[in-house]
C-alpha cells in the first residue's frame, strides 16, 4: 500500500493567484519567488524543498493575451509545465497540474467527461493541452485537475468573470452571454478537492468544476440577486464580444463527485468575500 502524502510536504507553485489564496498547507511560491520559465531555478527550488507532491497553479490564463502572443502562452503553459514536470520527476514527487475545460472544442451538446477527446480551438486551450500531454508523457504519478469558469480570491484577486461583473455595478446596464455554457468552479472548492485527491493518493484525469452547468448570463443573474444590486442585465450572444475564439460549450461532468452545486458555492463566495467590500 502506498504511503500517505504529508500535506506539510506539498509544494504549491503559483500560490499568489486566485486559487492559490485558498491553499493553507505546505510550502508556497508565487511568480515573484519562482519564475516557472526558468528551468534551472525551478529544478533548484524543487530540489531544495524535496516535496512529496507539487500543485502546479502557475499559468497564463488570459485567453485574449494567449491569442495575441501564442509564443508566450506556449512558454508559460507548455515549457513552464515541462520545467515543473522535470523537477517533479527528479525528486519523485506527485504532480497536480490544473488544466481547463478550454481544451475541448465545444461541439458536444452535453457536458464533457474526463475521457472525451480534447480539441482546443484557441491558443490558451492549445497551450494548456500541451501541458497535459507533457505531464502524461513524463510522469506516472500525476493528477490532471480540469476546472472551468474559475471564481475566487475576493476583490483583490478575482479578475475573472465574477469580479468583472461586480466591477460593472456602477453602470446602468451589464451585458452577459446567454448562448454559451460552462461549469463554474470555486477556487476554494477546487483546492479542497485537490487536497482530498492528494491525501487519497489518486492518479489520473479529474474534472473538478462545481456541479451543474449554466450560461454566463445565469451566473450574472445570481450575482446581482445575491448582492441585491439594482442594475439591468441584458443577454447577448457569444459573438458580441471581440477577442479570441470562444466555444459554445465548456460544461463538464465528473466521475468523482467532490464538488457541491455551483449556485451554493457562488452564493457563499459572494456573501463571505464580496458583500462587506461592496457596502464599504
Protein backbone atom coordinates (compact mmCIF):
# COMPACT_ATOMS: atom_id res chain seq x y z
CA UNK A 1 0.00 0.00 0.00
CA UNK A 2 1.31 3.46 -0.96
CA UNK A 3 2.20 5.66 1.99
CA UNK A 4 0.08 8.77 2.60
CA UNK A 5 1.39 12.12 1.42
CA UNK A 6 2.18 14.61 4.20
CA UNK A 7 0.41 17.89 3.36
CA UNK A 8 3.27 19.77 5.02
CA UNK A 9 5.46 18.40 2.23
CA UNK A 10 3.31 19.67 -0.63
CA UNK A 11 4.83 22.49 -2.71
CA UNK A 12 2.37 24.84 -4.43
CA UNK A 13 3.80 26.74 -7.40
CA UNK A 14 1.81 29.84 -8.37
CA UNK A 15 0.22 30.27 -4.94
CA UNK A 16 -0.18 34.04 -5.32
CA UNK A 17 -3.25 33.87 -7.55
CA UNK A 18 -6.98 33.47 -7.02
CA UNK A 19 -6.82 29.69 -6.49
CA UNK A 20 -3.56 29.73 -4.55
CA UNK A 21 -5.07 32.08 -1.98
CA UNK A 22 -7.06 29.09 -0.64
CA UNK A 23 -4.03 26.82 -0.20
CA UNK A 24 -3.48 26.78 3.58
CA UNK A 25 -0.96 23.95 3.81
CA UNK A 26 2.57 23.08 2.77
CA UNK A 27 5.18 25.25 1.06
CA UNK A 28 4.15 28.04 -1.32
CA UNK A 29 5.85 30.05 -4.05
CA UNK A 30 4.43 32.76 -6.29
CA UNK A 31 5.61 34.41 -9.53
CA UNK A 32 7.87 36.77 -7.57
CA UNK A 33 9.74 33.96 -5.83
CA UNK A 34 9.77 31.46 -8.71
CA UNK A 35 9.65 32.01 -12.48
CA UNK A 36 8.46 28.71 -13.96
CA UNK A 37 10.03 29.55 -17.34
CA UNK A 38 13.50 29.42 -15.70
CA UNK A 39 14.36 25.71 -15.91
CA UNK A 40 17.35 25.73 -13.58
CA UNK A 41 15.58 27.83 -10.94
CA UNK A 42 12.54 25.52 -10.94
CA UNK A 43 14.73 22.45 -10.50
CA UNK A 44 16.78 24.18 -7.79
CA UNK A 45 13.74 25.24 -5.74
CA UNK A 46 12.07 21.83 -6.01
CA UNK A 47 15.26 20.01 -5.04
CA UNK A 48 15.70 22.41 -2.12
CA UNK A 49 12.26 21.60 -0.67
CA UNK A 50 12.08 17.92 -1.76
CA UNK A 51 8.24 17.86 -1.77
CA UNK A 52 6.20 14.67 -1.85
CA UNK A 53 3.71 16.41 -4.15
CA UNK A 54 3.64 19.59 -6.25
CA UNK A 55 0.49 21.58 -7.07
CA UNK A 56 1.21 23.47 -10.30
CA UNK A 57 -1.06 26.53 -10.43
CA UNK A 58 1.24 28.92 -12.31
CA UNK A 59 -0.20 29.65 -15.76
CA UNK A 60 -1.13 32.31 -18.28
CA UNK A 61 -4.94 32.18 -18.17
CA UNK A 62 -5.77 35.36 -20.12
CA UNK A 63 -7.37 33.85 -23.22
CA UNK A 64 -7.02 37.02 -25.31
CA UNK A 65 -3.37 37.57 -24.35
CA UNK A 66 -2.61 33.96 -25.34
CA UNK A 67 -4.17 34.61 -28.75
CA UNK A 68 -2.22 37.84 -29.23
CA UNK A 69 1.05 36.23 -28.15
CA UNK A 70 0.98 32.44 -28.73
CA UNK A 71 4.72 32.13 -28.10
CA UNK A 72 4.24 33.48 -24.59
CA UNK A 73 1.31 31.10 -24.00
CA UNK A 74 3.45 28.12 -25.00
CA UNK A 75 6.41 29.41 -22.99
CA UNK A 76 4.43 29.63 -19.74
CA UNK A 77 1.83 26.88 -20.12
CA UNK A 78 3.94 24.48 -22.16
CA UNK A 79 7.64 24.98 -21.40
CA UNK A 80 6.88 26.09 -17.84
CA UNK A 81 4.97 22.88 -17.23
CA UNK A 82 7.83 20.87 -18.74
CA UNK A 83 10.18 22.51 -16.23
CA UNK A 84 7.91 21.67 -13.29
CA UNK A 85 7.35 18.10 -14.53
CA UNK A 86 11.10 17.59 -14.91
CA UNK A 87 11.69 18.79 -11.35
CA UNK A 88 8.88 16.56 -10.04
CA UNK A 89 10.44 13.59 -11.81
CA UNK A 90 13.87 14.30 -10.33
CA UNK A 91 12.60 14.29 -6.72
CA UNK A 92 9.92 11.61 -7.20
CA UNK A 93 7.00 13.94 -6.39
CA UNK A 94 3.38 13.54 -7.46
CA UNK A 95 2.42 16.41 -9.79
CA UNK A 96 -1.01 18.05 -9.73
CA UNK A 97 -1.48 20.04 -12.94
CA UNK A 98 -4.50 22.35 -13.03
CA UNK A 99 -5.91 22.41 -16.55
CA UNK A 100 -9.05 23.74 -18.18
CA UNK A 101 -12.30 22.92 -19.97
CA UNK A 102 -10.84 25.12 -22.72
CA UNK A 103 -9.12 22.06 -24.17
CA UNK A 104 -12.46 20.94 -25.68
CA UNK A 105 -13.98 22.19 -28.95
CA UNK A 106 -17.44 23.00 -27.57
CA UNK A 107 -19.28 20.97 -30.22
CA UNK A 108 -20.74 18.46 -27.77
CA UNK A 109 -24.32 19.13 -26.67
CA UNK A 110 -23.87 17.59 -23.21
CA UNK A 111 -21.18 18.11 -20.53
CA UNK A 112 -17.68 16.85 -21.30
CA UNK A 113 -16.46 13.78 -19.41
CA UNK A 114 -12.85 13.05 -18.46
CA UNK A 115 -12.37 10.59 -21.33
CA UNK A 116 -13.72 12.85 -24.10
CA UNK A 117 -11.19 13.77 -26.79
CA UNK A 118 -9.66 17.26 -26.44
CA UNK A 119 -9.67 19.53 -29.50
CA UNK A 120 -8.74 23.06 -28.35
CA UNK A 121 -9.89 25.98 -30.50
CA UNK A 122 -7.65 28.82 -29.27
CA UNK A 123 -4.05 29.26 -28.17
CA UNK A 124 -4.91 29.24 -24.48
CA UNK A 125 -6.57 25.84 -24.83
CA UNK A 126 -3.78 24.51 -27.03
CA UNK A 127 -1.05 25.61 -24.63
CA UNK A 128 -2.86 24.09 -21.64
CA UNK A 129 -3.44 20.85 -23.53
CA UNK A 130 0.26 20.81 -24.39
CA UNK A 131 0.87 20.98 -20.64
CA UNK A 132 -1.41 17.98 -20.12
CA UNK A 133 0.45 15.95 -22.75
CA UNK A 134 3.79 16.86 -21.18
CA UNK A 135 2.64 15.73 -17.73
CA UNK A 136 1.17 12.48 -19.04
CA UNK A 137 4.23 11.78 -21.17
CA UNK A 138 6.83 12.44 -18.47
CA UNK A 139 5.23 11.15 -15.27
CA UNK A 140 3.27 8.19 -13.97
CA UNK A 141 2.25 9.76 -10.66
CA UNK A 142 0.12 12.74 -11.66
CA UNK A 143 -3.28 14.34 -11.26
CA UNK A 144 -4.66 16.48 -14.08
CA UNK A 145 -7.39 18.63 -12.50
CA UNK A 146 -9.54 20.37 -15.11
CA UNK A 147 -11.51 23.41 -13.99
CA UNK A 148 -13.83 25.84 -15.77
CA UNK A 149 -15.01 29.44 -15.30
CA UNK A 150 -12.97 29.98 -12.15
CA UNK A 151 -14.01 32.35 -9.38
CA UNK A 152 -12.32 33.18 -6.08
CA UNK A 153 -9.85 35.44 -4.36
CA UNK A 154 -12.27 38.24 -3.48
CA UNK A 155 -11.92 41.91 -4.52
CA UNK A 156 -8.11 41.81 -4.61
CA UNK A 157 -7.58 38.75 -6.80
CA UNK A 158 -10.78 37.94 -8.70
CA UNK A 159 -10.02 39.29 -12.17
CA UNK A 160 -12.24 36.77 -13.94
CA UNK A 161 -15.95 36.87 -14.85
CA UNK A 162 -17.44 37.24 -11.35
CA UNK A 163 -15.07 40.06 -10.44
CA UNK A 164 -15.62 41.74 -13.81
CA UNK A 165 -19.42 41.70 -13.39
CA UNK A 166 -19.22 43.18 -9.89
CA UNK A 167 -16.88 45.95 -11.08
CA UNK A 168 -19.52 46.99 -13.63
CA UNK A 169 -22.19 47.65 -10.99
CA UNK A 170 -21.83 51.42 -11.42
CA UNK A 171 -23.11 51.04 -14.99
CA UNK A 172 -26.84 51.15 -15.69
CA UNK A 173 -26.63 48.08 -17.92
CA UNK A 174 -24.48 44.93 -17.86
CA UNK A 175 -24.29 42.56 -20.82
CA UNK A 176 -23.71 38.82 -20.38
CA UNK A 177 -23.60 35.92 -22.85
CA UNK A 178 -26.62 33.61 -22.73
CA UNK A 179 -25.86 31.16 -25.56
CA UNK A 180 -22.65 29.50 -24.30
CA UNK A 181 -22.39 27.18 -21.33
CA UNK A 182 -19.84 26.13 -18.73
CA UNK A 183 -19.45 24.76 -15.22
CA UNK A 184 -18.35 27.45 -12.72
CA UNK A 185 -15.54 26.46 -10.38
CA UNK A 186 -14.94 27.80 -6.87
CA UNK A 187 -11.23 28.22 -6.18
CA UNK A 188 -11.87 27.27 -2.57
CA UNK A 189 -13.70 24.07 -3.55
CA UNK A 190 -11.07 23.23 -6.16
CA UNK A 191 -8.30 23.36 -3.55
CA UNK A 192 -10.40 21.21 -1.22
CA UNK A 193 -10.92 18.60 -3.93
CA UNK A 194 -7.23 18.59 -4.88
CA UNK A 195 -6.31 18.19 -1.22
CA UNK A 196 -8.60 15.17 -0.95
CA UNK A 197 -7.21 13.58 -4.13
CA UNK A 198 -3.64 14.07 -2.88
CA UNK A 199 -4.35 12.52 0.51
CA UNK A 200 -6.15 9.62 -1.23
CA UNK A 201 -3.04 9.26 -3.45
CA UNK A 202 -5.26 9.36 -6.55
CA UNK A 203 -3.84 9.48 -10.08
CA UNK A 204 -5.30 10.34 -13.48
CA UNK A 205 -7.56 12.98 -15.01
CA UNK A 206 -10.36 14.56 -12.95
CA UNK A 207 -12.97 17.18 -13.79
CA UNK A 208 -13.14 19.43 -10.73
CA UNK A 209 -15.71 22.09 -11.58
CA UNK A 210 -18.68 22.64 -9.31
CA UNK A 211 -21.73 20.51 -10.04
CA UNK A 212 -24.08 21.70 -12.77
CA UNK A 213 -23.79 23.96 -15.81
CA UNK A 214 -25.13 27.35 -16.84
CA UNK A 215 -24.59 30.38 -19.07
CA UNK A 216 -22.62 33.48 -18.09
CA UNK A 217 -25.97 35.27 -18.02
CA UNK A 218 -27.22 32.91 -15.30
CA UNK A 219 -24.05 33.50 -13.28
CA UNK A 220 -24.52 37.27 -13.58
CA UNK A 221 -28.19 36.90 -12.55
CA UNK A 222 -27.21 35.09 -9.35
CA UNK A 223 -24.51 37.68 -8.58
CA UNK A 224 -26.97 40.58 -8.92
CA UNK A 225 -29.65 38.77 -6.90
CA UNK A 226 -27.29 37.72 -4.09
CA UNK A 227 -25.70 41.15 -3.71
CA UNK A 228 -29.03 42.98 -4.04
CA UNK A 229 -27.93 45.39 -6.74
CA UNK A 230 -30.30 47.41 -8.94
CA UNK A 231 -28.84 47.06 -12.43
CA UNK A 232 -30.20 46.00 -15.82
CA UNK A 233 -28.83 42.70 -17.13
CA UNK A 234 -29.04 42.25 -20.91
CA UNK A 235 -28.45 38.91 -22.67
CA UNK A 236 -26.12 38.91 -25.69
CA UNK A 237 -24.69 36.26 -28.00
CA UNK A 238 -21.19 34.78 -27.77
CA UNK A 239 -20.09 36.73 -30.85
CA UNK A 240 -20.98 40.08 -29.22
CA UNK A 241 -17.60 40.40 -27.51
CA UNK A 242 -14.43 40.60 -29.65
CA UNK A 243 -11.27 38.61 -28.92
CA UNK A 244 -10.07 35.03 -29.05
CA UNK A 245 -12.26 32.25 -30.41
CA UNK A 246 -14.53 31.02 -27.62
CA UNK A 247 -16.63 27.88 -27.80
CA UNK A 248 -20.33 27.26 -27.11
CA UNK A 249 -19.94 24.51 -24.54
CA UNK A 250 -17.36 24.14 -21.77
CA UNK A 251 -19.65 22.33 -19.32
CA UNK A 252 -18.07 19.34 -17.58
CA UNK A 253 -19.27 16.24 -15.77
CA UNK A 254 -17.14 14.46 -13.18
CA UNK A 255 -16.51 10.79 -12.42
CA UNK A 256 -15.85 11.71 -8.76
CA UNK A 257 -18.48 13.80 -7.00
CA UNK A 258 -16.18 16.03 -4.95
CA UNK A 259 -17.82 19.40 -5.64
CA UNK A 260 -21.11 20.97 -4.48
CA UNK A 261 -23.57 22.75 -6.84
CA UNK A 262 -22.15 25.91 -8.42
CA UNK A 263 -25.02 28.07 -7.11
CA UNK A 264 -24.26 27.16 -3.49
CA UNK A 265 -20.52 27.77 -3.90
CA UNK A 266 -21.01 31.10 -5.69
CA UNK A 267 -23.53 32.41 -3.14
CA UNK A 268 -21.20 31.55 -0.26
CA UNK A 269 -18.30 33.26 -2.05
CA UNK A 270 -20.30 36.44 -2.67
CA UNK A 271 -21.64 36.54 0.91
CA UNK A 272 -18.28 35.95 2.59
CA UNK A 273 -15.78 37.70 0.31
CA UNK A 274 -17.63 40.47 -1.57
CA UNK A 275 -20.69 41.72 0.34
CA UNK A 276 -18.81 43.69 3.01
CA UNK A 277 -16.37 45.13 0.48
CA UNK A 278 -19.21 46.40 -1.72
CA UNK A 279 -21.04 48.03 1.22
CA UNK A 280 -17.85 49.81 2.23
